[in-house]
């Protein structure tokens, strides 16, 4: 546990989902658990938004800023990293509409296996 009270839980993912990560949002964020169930898992590649002022991040299917870097277990102090630029294997992440993908132009959605 860090001095800020953040807790990182390592969750073994099934597959590597990012071919390349070129940039993540600086500083990391705390998962906003509003509307989420403690103990559930949020999968890497889920579309996320974040607030620089509050340092909170949440799944966002409307106006995402990036993709969740790794699987996390929902808890009151879960830290998350958001990928802003890079290449992701599109077939290995939760389904995203073309409209959502268009809102993240710095992420390449590769159809490679």
Protein backbone atom coordinates (compact mmCIF):
# COMPACT_ATOMS: atom_id res chain seq x y z
CA UNK A 1 0.00 0.00 0.00
CA UNK A 2 1.35 3.42 -0.88
CA UNK A 3 1.50 6.46 1.38
CA UNK A 4 -1.57 7.85 -0.41
CA UNK A 5 -3.67 4.88 0.63
CA UNK A 6 -3.82 3.44 -2.88
CA UNK A 7 -3.80 -0.30 -3.24
CA UNK A 8 -2.71 -2.24 -6.30
CA UNK A 9 -4.06 -5.74 -6.78
CA UNK A 10 -2.39 -7.85 -9.45
CA UNK A 11 -4.91 -9.72 -11.56
CA UNK A 12 -3.64 -12.35 -13.96
CA UNK A 13 -4.94 -11.55 -17.42
CA UNK A 14 -5.56 -14.19 -20.03
CA UNK A 15 -3.82 -12.49 -22.96
CA UNK A 16 -1.53 -9.65 -23.87
CA UNK A 17 -3.80 -7.00 -25.35
CA UNK A 18 -1.41 -4.17 -26.22
CA UNK A 19 1.15 -4.61 -28.99
CA UNK A 20 2.70 -1.21 -28.16
CA UNK A 21 2.00 1.40 -25.51
CA UNK A 22 3.38 4.79 -26.47
CA UNK A 23 1.73 7.01 -23.85
CA UNK A 24 -0.35 6.70 -20.71
CA UNK A 25 -2.11 9.48 -18.80
CA UNK A 26 0.46 10.87 -16.38
CA UNK A 27 0.27 10.17 -12.68
CA UNK A 28 -2.22 7.36 -12.63
CA UNK A 29 -5.76 7.56 -11.29
CA UNK A 30 -8.01 6.05 -8.65
CA UNK A 31 -10.93 4.01 -9.95
CA UNK A 32 -14.27 5.76 -9.40
CA UNK A 33 -16.39 2.91 -8.03
CA UNK A 34 -19.73 4.73 -8.40
CA UNK A 35 -22.15 2.24 -9.96
CA UNK A 36 -19.58 -0.59 -9.87
CA UNK A 37 -19.62 -3.70 -7.67
CA UNK A 38 -16.69 -4.15 -5.28
CA UNK A 39 -14.88 -7.40 -6.05
CA UNK A 40 -15.85 -7.49 -9.73
CA UNK A 41 -13.18 -7.24 -12.42
CA UNK A 42 -12.80 -4.51 -15.06
CA UNK A 43 -11.03 -5.88 -18.12
CA UNK A 44 -7.99 -4.35 -19.78
CA UNK A 45 -8.98 -2.52 -22.94
CA UNK A 46 -12.19 -1.15 -21.45
CA UNK A 47 -12.91 2.40 -22.61
CA UNK A 48 -12.19 4.90 -19.80
CA UNK A 49 -12.41 8.60 -19.06
CA UNK A 50 -10.67 10.47 -16.26
CA UNK A 51 -10.69 13.78 -14.44
CA UNK A 52 -7.30 15.47 -14.01
CA UNK A 53 -8.57 17.62 -11.11
CA UNK A 54 -9.92 14.78 -8.96
CA UNK A 55 -7.51 12.08 -10.25
CA UNK A 56 -10.50 9.73 -10.64
CA UNK A 57 -11.13 7.45 -13.65
CA UNK A 58 -14.16 5.40 -14.68
CA UNK A 59 -15.41 3.18 -17.48
CA UNK A 60 -17.01 5.40 -20.12
CA UNK A 61 -18.99 4.23 -23.14
CA UNK A 62 -19.85 7.79 -24.25
CA UNK A 63 -16.74 10.01 -24.20
CA UNK A 64 -13.67 7.85 -23.51
CA UNK A 65 -10.18 9.32 -23.40
CA UNK A 66 -8.31 6.02 -23.55
CA UNK A 67 -8.23 2.32 -22.66
CA UNK A 68 -7.59 0.62 -19.34
CA UNK A 69 -4.02 -0.74 -19.37
CA UNK A 70 -4.54 -3.88 -17.28
CA UNK A 71 -7.32 -5.87 -15.62
CA UNK A 72 -8.26 -4.56 -12.17
CA UNK A 73 -10.44 -5.76 -9.31
CA UNK A 74 -12.88 -3.10 -8.14
CA UNK A 75 -12.04 -1.81 -4.66
CA UNK A 76 -12.27 1.52 -2.87
CA UNK A 77 -8.63 2.39 -3.58
CA UNK A 78 -7.85 0.66 -6.88
CA UNK A 79 -5.30 2.51 -9.00
CA UNK A 80 -5.60 2.41 -12.79
CA UNK A 81 -3.49 3.44 -15.77
CA UNK A 82 -5.09 4.73 -18.96
CA UNK A 83 -3.44 4.21 -22.36
CA UNK A 84 -3.74 7.30 -24.56
CA UNK A 85 -1.52 6.26 -27.51
CA UNK A 86 -0.58 2.83 -28.72
CA UNK A 87 -1.65 -0.29 -30.58
CA UNK A 88 -4.18 -2.71 -29.13
CA UNK A 89 -5.28 -6.11 -30.44
CA UNK A 90 -8.94 -5.26 -31.11
CA UNK A 91 -10.09 -8.89 -30.95
CA UNK A 92 -8.78 -9.27 -27.38
CA UNK A 93 -10.59 -6.38 -25.70
CA UNK A 94 -14.23 -5.73 -24.78
CA UNK A 95 -16.22 -4.81 -27.90
CA UNK A 96 -16.12 -1.13 -28.85
CA UNK A 97 -18.27 0.58 -31.45
CA UNK A 98 -16.64 2.36 -34.37
CA UNK A 99 -17.96 5.63 -32.89
CA UNK A 100 -16.08 4.98 -29.63
CA UNK A 101 -12.91 4.02 -31.48
CA UNK A 102 -13.12 7.28 -33.43
CA UNK A 103 -13.02 9.20 -30.13
CA UNK A 104 -9.59 7.69 -29.42
CA UNK A 105 -7.68 8.57 -32.62
CA UNK A 106 -4.25 7.98 -31.07
CA UNK A 107 -5.02 4.30 -30.48
CA UNK A 108 -4.61 1.84 -33.35
CA UNK A 109 -7.07 -1.05 -33.19
CA UNK A 110 -5.14 -3.89 -34.84
CA UNK A 111 -7.01 -6.87 -36.26
CA UNK A 112 -3.94 -9.10 -35.86
CA UNK A 113 -4.37 -12.14 -33.67
